[in-house]
């Protein structure tokens, strides 16, 4: 194996360390601080292993794991965009993330760069069973955090139950079982005063 290939792979791995400094607007369940992208990605990987049986379609776990570990790499350059930002902010996010994906994945050897870029695009498009399930987990994880921290982030940003339902509805595309669970916890969050209905 050429040394140049290993050098590029290690350079990419070092670049991934930057995910530890990208903070999300999701409070940790275990302490009153915000999680970072590396913690989020690790948590999603664990969820994929444990919850795979709830995917609506058979999924290749290795592909799901690759997606959940790589999907936020673009935020090293693009930053985190709050889930409930307006449409204009999300259009700008797409542009920033595309530029970031091209730069960051290009650090890798060409074959791996193409593979990781295509994996990222697959996750974003949600057209395969693996992407739909990975995206469902990506929405479920912060929702659980918000619920288990008594809706602190929801309340801080003035989020309503209607917004939470709309934003997370594609969980049903990857797992109707998990979506039914989400509906129950959203109803309970409203009942407990964590979320206003509208």
Protein backbone atom coordinates (compact mmCIF):
# COMPACT_ATOMS: atom_id res chain seq x y z
CA UNK A 1 0.00 0.00 0.00
CA UNK A 2 1.53 3.35 -1.01
CA UNK A 3 2.49 5.66 1.86
CA UNK A 4 0.62 8.51 0.15
CA UNK A 5 -2.67 6.62 0.52
CA UNK A 6 -2.14 6.10 4.24
CA UNK A 7 -1.07 9.75 4.63
CA UNK A 8 -4.33 10.91 3.07
CA UNK A 9 -6.44 8.53 5.15
CA UNK A 10 -4.75 9.69 8.36
CA UNK A 11 -5.13 13.34 7.33
CA UNK A 12 -8.88 12.72 6.96
CA UNK A 13 -9.02 10.98 10.35
CA UNK A 14 -7.25 13.96 11.94
CA UNK A 15 -9.73 16.30 10.20
CA UNK A 16 -12.59 14.36 11.83
CA UNK A 17 -11.33 15.46 15.24
CA UNK A 18 -12.85 18.88 14.43
CA UNK A 19 -16.32 17.34 14.85
CA UNK A 20 -15.68 17.43 18.59
CA UNK A 21 -15.77 21.24 18.48
CA UNK A 22 -19.00 21.61 16.47
CA UNK A 23 -21.72 22.09 19.07
CA UNK A 24 -25.34 21.35 18.37
CA UNK A 25 -28.42 22.92 19.94
CA UNK A 26 -29.30 19.62 21.63
CA UNK A 27 -28.76 19.32 25.37
CA UNK A 28 -27.10 16.18 26.66
CA UNK A 29 -29.37 13.98 28.75
CA UNK A 30 -26.65 13.32 31.35
CA UNK A 31 -25.59 16.93 32.06
CA UNK A 32 -26.69 20.50 31.28
CA UNK A 33 -24.38 21.12 28.30
CA UNK A 34 -24.78 20.90 24.55
CA UNK A 35 -23.61 17.83 22.68
CA UNK A 36 -21.08 18.06 19.88
CA UNK A 37 -21.25 16.43 16.44
CA UNK A 38 -18.86 13.62 17.37
CA UNK A 39 -21.03 12.66 20.36
CA UNK A 40 -24.15 12.83 18.18
CA UNK A 41 -22.62 10.60 15.49
CA UNK A 42 -21.42 8.04 18.04
CA UNK A 43 -24.87 7.96 19.66
CA UNK A 44 -26.52 7.39 16.27
CA UNK A 45 -24.16 4.50 15.53
CA UNK A 46 -25.09 2.85 18.83
CA UNK A 47 -28.79 3.43 18.07
CA UNK A 48 -28.40 1.82 14.62
CA UNK A 49 -26.92 -1.33 16.17
CA UNK A 50 -29.58 -1.59 18.87
CA UNK A 51 -32.68 -0.46 16.92
CA UNK A 52 -32.05 -2.06 13.52
CA UNK A 53 -34.86 -4.58 14.11
CA UNK A 54 -37.35 -1.68 13.97
CA UNK A 55 -36.46 -0.63 10.39
CA UNK A 56 -39.42 -1.09 8.06
CA UNK A 57 -37.23 -2.75 5.43
CA UNK A 58 -34.16 -4.98 5.77
CA UNK A 59 -31.06 -2.77 5.98
CA UNK A 60 -27.35 -3.33 5.54
CA UNK A 61 -26.12 -2.31 9.00
CA UNK A 62 -22.61 -1.54 7.75
CA UNK A 63 -24.01 1.05 5.30
CA UNK A 64 -26.25 2.57 7.98
CA UNK A 65 -23.25 2.86 10.31
CA UNK A 66 -21.16 4.49 7.59
CA UNK A 67 -23.94 7.01 6.95
CA UNK A 68 -24.53 7.98 10.57
CA UNK A 69 -20.79 8.31 11.21
CA UNK A 70 -20.17 10.44 8.09
CA UNK A 71 -23.38 12.44 7.61
CA UNK A 72 -22.32 15.42 9.75
CA UNK A 73 -18.67 15.55 8.64
CA UNK A 74 -19.69 18.45 6.37
CA UNK A 75 -20.46 20.53 9.46
CA UNK A 76 -16.70 20.90 10.07
CA UNK A 77 -16.87 23.64 7.42
CA UNK A 78 -20.60 24.36 7.17
CA UNK A 79 -21.42 24.49 10.88
CA UNK A 80 -24.59 23.17 12.48
CA UNK A 81 -27.91 24.57 11.24
CA UNK A 82 -30.72 24.58 13.78
CA UNK A 83 -33.35 22.04 12.75
CA UNK A 84 -36.20 24.55 13.00
CA UNK A 85 -34.58 27.40 11.04
CA UNK A 86 -36.55 28.82 8.12
CA UNK A 87 -36.50 27.58 4.53
CA UNK A 88 -34.00 30.21 3.37
CA UNK A 89 -31.53 29.12 6.06
CA UNK A 90 -31.89 25.51 4.92
CA UNK A 91 -31.27 26.41 1.27
CA UNK A 92 -28.09 28.21 2.34
CA UNK A 93 -27.18 25.17 4.46
CA UNK A 94 -27.42 22.90 1.40
CA UNK A 95 -25.02 25.13 -0.55
CA UNK A 96 -22.52 25.33 2.35
CA UNK A 97 -22.67 21.57 2.96
CA UNK A 98 -22.11 20.71 -0.70
CA UNK A 99 -18.93 22.83 -0.76
CA UNK A 100 -17.83 21.29 2.53
CA UNK A 101 -18.44 17.73 1.30
CA UNK A 102 -16.32 18.33 -1.78
CA UNK A 103 -13.42 19.74 0.23
CA UNK A 104 -13.43 17.37 3.19
CA UNK A 105 -14.01 14.08 1.39
CA UNK A 106 -11.38 15.06 -1.22
CA UNK A 107 -8.76 14.69 1.52
CA UNK A 108 -9.20 10.91 1.16
CA UNK A 109 -7.72 8.80 -1.66
CA UNK A 110 -9.89 9.21 -4.76
CA UNK A 111 -11.83 5.93 -4.45
CA UNK A 112 -12.69 6.53 -0.79
CA UNK A 113 -13.46 10.20 -1.44
CA UNK A 114 -16.01 9.20 -4.09
CA UNK A 115 -17.46 6.49 -1.82
CA UNK A 116 -17.90 8.82 1.18
CA UNK A 117 -19.31 11.66 -0.94
CA UNK A 118 -21.83 9.27 -2.54
CA UNK A 119 -22.74 7.90 0.89
CA UNK A 120 -23.36 11.44 2.16
CA UNK A 121 -25.52 12.21 -0.90
CA UNK A 122 -27.45 8.95 -0.37
CA UNK A 123 -28.16 9.90 3.26
CA UNK A 124 -29.39 13.35 2.21
CA UNK A 125 -31.67 11.95 -0.54
CA UNK A 126 -33.33 9.29 1.68
CA UNK A 127 -34.08 7.08 -1.33
CA UNK A 128 -32.68 3.77 -0.03
CA UNK A 129 -33.81 1.71 2.98
CA UNK A 130 -30.48 2.40 4.69
CA UNK A 131 -30.73 6.16 4.16
CA UNK A 132 -34.34 6.27 5.33
CA UNK A 133 -33.48 4.37 8.50
CA UNK A 134 -30.32 6.41 9.17
CA UNK A 135 -32.29 9.65 8.68
CA UNK A 136 -35.03 8.38 11.02
CA UNK A 137 -32.44 7.80 13.74
CA UNK A 138 -30.92 11.23 13.07
CA UNK A 139 -34.30 12.81 13.87
CA UNK A 140 -35.18 10.47 16.75
CA UNK A 141 -31.99 11.10 18.73
CA UNK A 142 -32.39 14.87 19.33
CA UNK A 143 -36.11 14.41 19.87
CA UNK A 144 -35.36 11.97 22.71
CA UNK A 145 -32.83 14.42 24.15
CA UNK A 146 -35.35 17.27 24.04
CA UNK A 147 -38.03 15.15 25.67
CA UNK A 148 -35.72 13.79 28.40
CA UNK A 149 -34.40 17.28 29.21
CA UNK A 150 -37.99 18.45 29.79
CA UNK A 151 -38.20 20.33 26.52
CA UNK A 152 -35.56 22.89 27.52
CA UNK A 153 -34.24 23.46 23.97
CA UNK A 154 -37.78 23.44 22.52
CA UNK A 155 -38.90 26.06 25.05
CA UNK A 156 -35.73 28.15 24.63
CA UNK A 157 -36.42 28.43 20.89
CA UNK A 158 -40.22 28.71 21.03
CA UNK A 159 -40.83 25.40 19.22
CA UNK A 160 -44.36 23.97 19.07
CA UNK A 161 -45.65 20.42 18.90
CA UNK A 162 -46.87 21.12 15.38
CA UNK A 163 -43.34 22.07 14.30
CA UNK A 164 -41.87 18.98 15.97
CA UNK A 165 -44.38 16.73 14.21
CA UNK A 166 -43.77 18.32 10.81
CA UNK A 167 -39.97 18.35 11.11
CA UNK A 168 -39.73 14.74 12.28
CA UNK A 169 -42.46 13.16 10.13
CA UNK A 170 -39.97 11.39 7.87
CA UNK A 171 -39.07 9.11 10.78
CA UNK A 172 -42.11 7.16 9.51
CA UNK A 173 -40.31 6.56 6.19
CA UNK A 174 -37.63 4.54 7.97
CA UNK A 175 -39.62 3.01 10.82
CA UNK A 176 -43.34 3.19 11.41
CA UNK A 177 -42.76 1.53 14.79
CA UNK A 178 -40.39 4.30 15.92
CA UNK A 179 -42.76 6.94 14.52
CA UNK A 180 -45.61 5.56 16.64
CA UNK A 181 -43.29 5.85 19.67
CA UNK A 182 -42.45 9.45 18.71
CA UNK A 183 -46.15 10.35 18.50
CA UNK A 184 -46.62 9.03 22.03
CA UNK A 185 -43.74 11.05 23.47
CA UNK A 186 -44.82 14.23 21.66
CA UNK A 187 -48.31 13.85 23.13
CA UNK A 188 -46.74 13.31 26.54
CA UNK A 189 -44.46 16.35 26.07
CA UNK A 190 -47.54 18.48 25.37
CA UNK A 191 -49.32 17.04 28.42
CA UNK A 192 -46.29 17.79 30.63
CA UNK A 193 -45.95 21.36 29.33
CA UNK A 194 -42.64 20.75 27.50
CA UNK A 195 -44.22 21.73 24.16
CA UNK A 196 -47.11 24.08 23.38
CA UNK A 197 -49.48 22.60 20.79
CA UNK A 198 -49.22 25.57 18.41
